[in-house]
């Protein structure tokens, strides 16, 4: 979790979890001037990834969901996540303040 290069006061965040190796879950949070931003992910036995993020009021976030190009990603939450396209290893979504869940698999 970082603020973007052009952001002031953590109003624009980037959430890009690293799902690596044999890890099956991770979580973290950070208190910003806008409030707490949080991220937690887990992988089940079938390799299905669930990512949950929390964005404080007064902030927006670009969420980079770890996903291969052929993976199906579902996204839902406090408001409708807006797709910002894909790269070779992420599906990118813009979200406003609130709580969101992304599922890959």
Protein backbone atom coordinates (compact mmCIF):
# COMPACT_ATOMS: atom_id res chain seq x y z
CA UNK A 1 0.00 0.00 0.00
CA UNK A 2 1.43 3.30 -1.11
CA UNK A 3 0.24 6.68 -2.15
CA UNK A 4 0.70 7.42 -5.84
CA UNK A 5 3.52 9.73 -6.94
CA UNK A 6 1.12 12.60 -7.64
CA UNK A 7 -0.84 12.18 -4.40
CA UNK A 8 -0.81 14.50 -1.40
CA UNK A 9 -2.03 13.34 2.02
CA UNK A 10 -2.73 9.77 0.86
CA UNK A 11 -5.75 10.84 -1.19
CA UNK A 12 -4.67 8.60 -4.10
CA UNK A 13 -3.53 5.13 -3.10
CA UNK A 14 -2.07 2.15 -4.89
CA UNK A 15 -2.72 -1.31 -3.47
CA UNK A 16 -0.60 -3.99 -5.13
CA UNK A 17 -0.21 -7.14 -3.02
CA UNK A 18 2.62 -9.53 -3.79
CA UNK A 19 1.35 -13.11 -3.88
CA UNK A 20 4.60 -15.08 -3.97
CA UNK A 21 6.00 -18.50 -3.21
CA UNK A 22 4.19 -20.82 -0.83
CA UNK A 23 2.44 -18.04 1.10
CA UNK A 24 -1.27 -18.72 1.49
CA UNK A 25 -2.31 -15.43 3.12
CA UNK A 26 -1.12 -11.99 4.20
CA UNK A 27 -2.65 -8.81 5.57
CA UNK A 28 -1.68 -5.31 6.54
CA UNK A 29 -3.02 -1.88 7.34
CA UNK A 30 -1.69 1.66 7.56
CA UNK A 31 -3.09 4.76 9.21
CA UNK A 32 -3.07 7.69 6.76
CA UNK A 33 -4.26 11.26 7.37
CA UNK A 34 -7.53 10.16 5.72
CA UNK A 35 -7.96 7.05 7.90
CA UNK A 36 -6.92 3.40 7.78
CA UNK A 37 -6.20 1.67 4.48
CA UNK A 38 -6.14 -2.13 4.64
CA UNK A 39 -5.44 -5.12 2.45
CA UNK A 40 -5.76 -8.87 3.11
CA UNK A 41 -5.54 -11.81 0.75
CA UNK A 42 -5.71 -15.58 0.94
CA UNK A 43 -5.38 -18.50 -1.45
CA UNK A 44 -7.49 -21.60 -0.93
CA UNK A 45 -6.43 -25.19 -1.62
CA UNK A 46 -7.45 -24.88 -5.28
CA UNK A 47 -5.34 -21.74 -5.78
CA UNK A 48 -8.33 -19.38 -5.83
CA UNK A 49 -7.30 -15.92 -4.59
CA UNK A 50 -9.52 -13.61 -2.55
CA UNK A 51 -8.33 -10.04 -1.95
CA UNK A 52 -10.13 -7.68 0.44
CA UNK A 53 -9.25 -3.99 0.63
CA UNK A 54 -10.47 -1.04 2.68
CA UNK A 55 -10.08 2.54 1.45
CA UNK A 56 -10.69 5.45 3.85
CA UNK A 57 -13.14 8.29 3.21
CA UNK A 58 -11.40 11.04 1.26
CA UNK A 59 -9.22 8.63 -0.73
CA UNK A 60 -9.40 6.63 -3.94
CA UNK A 61 -7.26 3.64 -4.85
CA UNK A 62 -5.88 1.81 -7.83
CA UNK A 63 -6.04 -1.87 -6.85
CA UNK A 64 -3.68 -4.16 -8.75
CA UNK A 65 -5.17 -7.65 -8.38
CA UNK A 66 -2.64 -10.44 -9.06
CA UNK A 67 -4.09 -12.34 -12.04
CA UNK A 68 -2.92 -13.98 -15.24
CA UNK A 69 -4.53 -12.78 -18.50
CA UNK A 70 -6.77 -15.89 -18.73
CA UNK A 71 -7.99 -15.64 -15.10
CA UNK A 72 -11.59 -14.63 -14.40
CA UNK A 73 -11.75 -11.79 -11.84
CA UNK A 74 -14.88 -10.72 -9.98
CA UNK A 75 -15.02 -7.42 -8.12
CA UNK A 76 -17.65 -5.99 -5.82
CA UNK A 77 -17.90 -3.63 -2.90
CA UNK A 78 -19.18 -0.37 -1.47
CA UNK A 79 -19.40 1.14 -4.95
CA UNK A 80 -18.77 -0.36 -8.35
CA UNK A 81 -15.05 -0.93 -9.04
CA UNK A 82 -14.03 0.48 -12.43
CA UNK A 83 -11.77 -1.67 -14.59
CA UNK A 84 -8.53 0.09 -15.54
CA UNK A 85 -7.35 -2.73 -17.82
CA UNK A 86 -4.94 -5.61 -17.39
CA UNK A 87 -1.24 -6.28 -17.60
CA UNK A 88 0.55 -9.60 -17.94
CA UNK A 89 0.16 -10.22 -14.20
CA UNK A 90 -2.55 -7.91 -12.82
CA UNK A 91 -6.16 -6.87 -13.29
CA UNK A 92 -6.42 -3.20 -12.33
CA UNK A 93 -9.42 -1.50 -10.72
CA UNK A 94 -10.14 2.05 -9.56
CA UNK A 95 -12.20 2.24 -6.37
CA UNK A 96 -13.52 4.94 -4.04
CA UNK A 97 -13.77 4.90 -0.28
CA UNK A 98 -15.22 1.70 1.18
CA UNK A 99 -14.63 -2.02 1.35
CA UNK A 100 -14.08 -4.26 -1.67
CA UNK A 101 -13.59 -7.94 -2.45
CA UNK A 102 -11.83 -9.28 -5.54
CA UNK A 103 -11.85 -12.99 -6.41
CA UNK A 104 -9.53 -14.61 -8.95
CA UNK A 105 -10.18 -18.10 -10.19
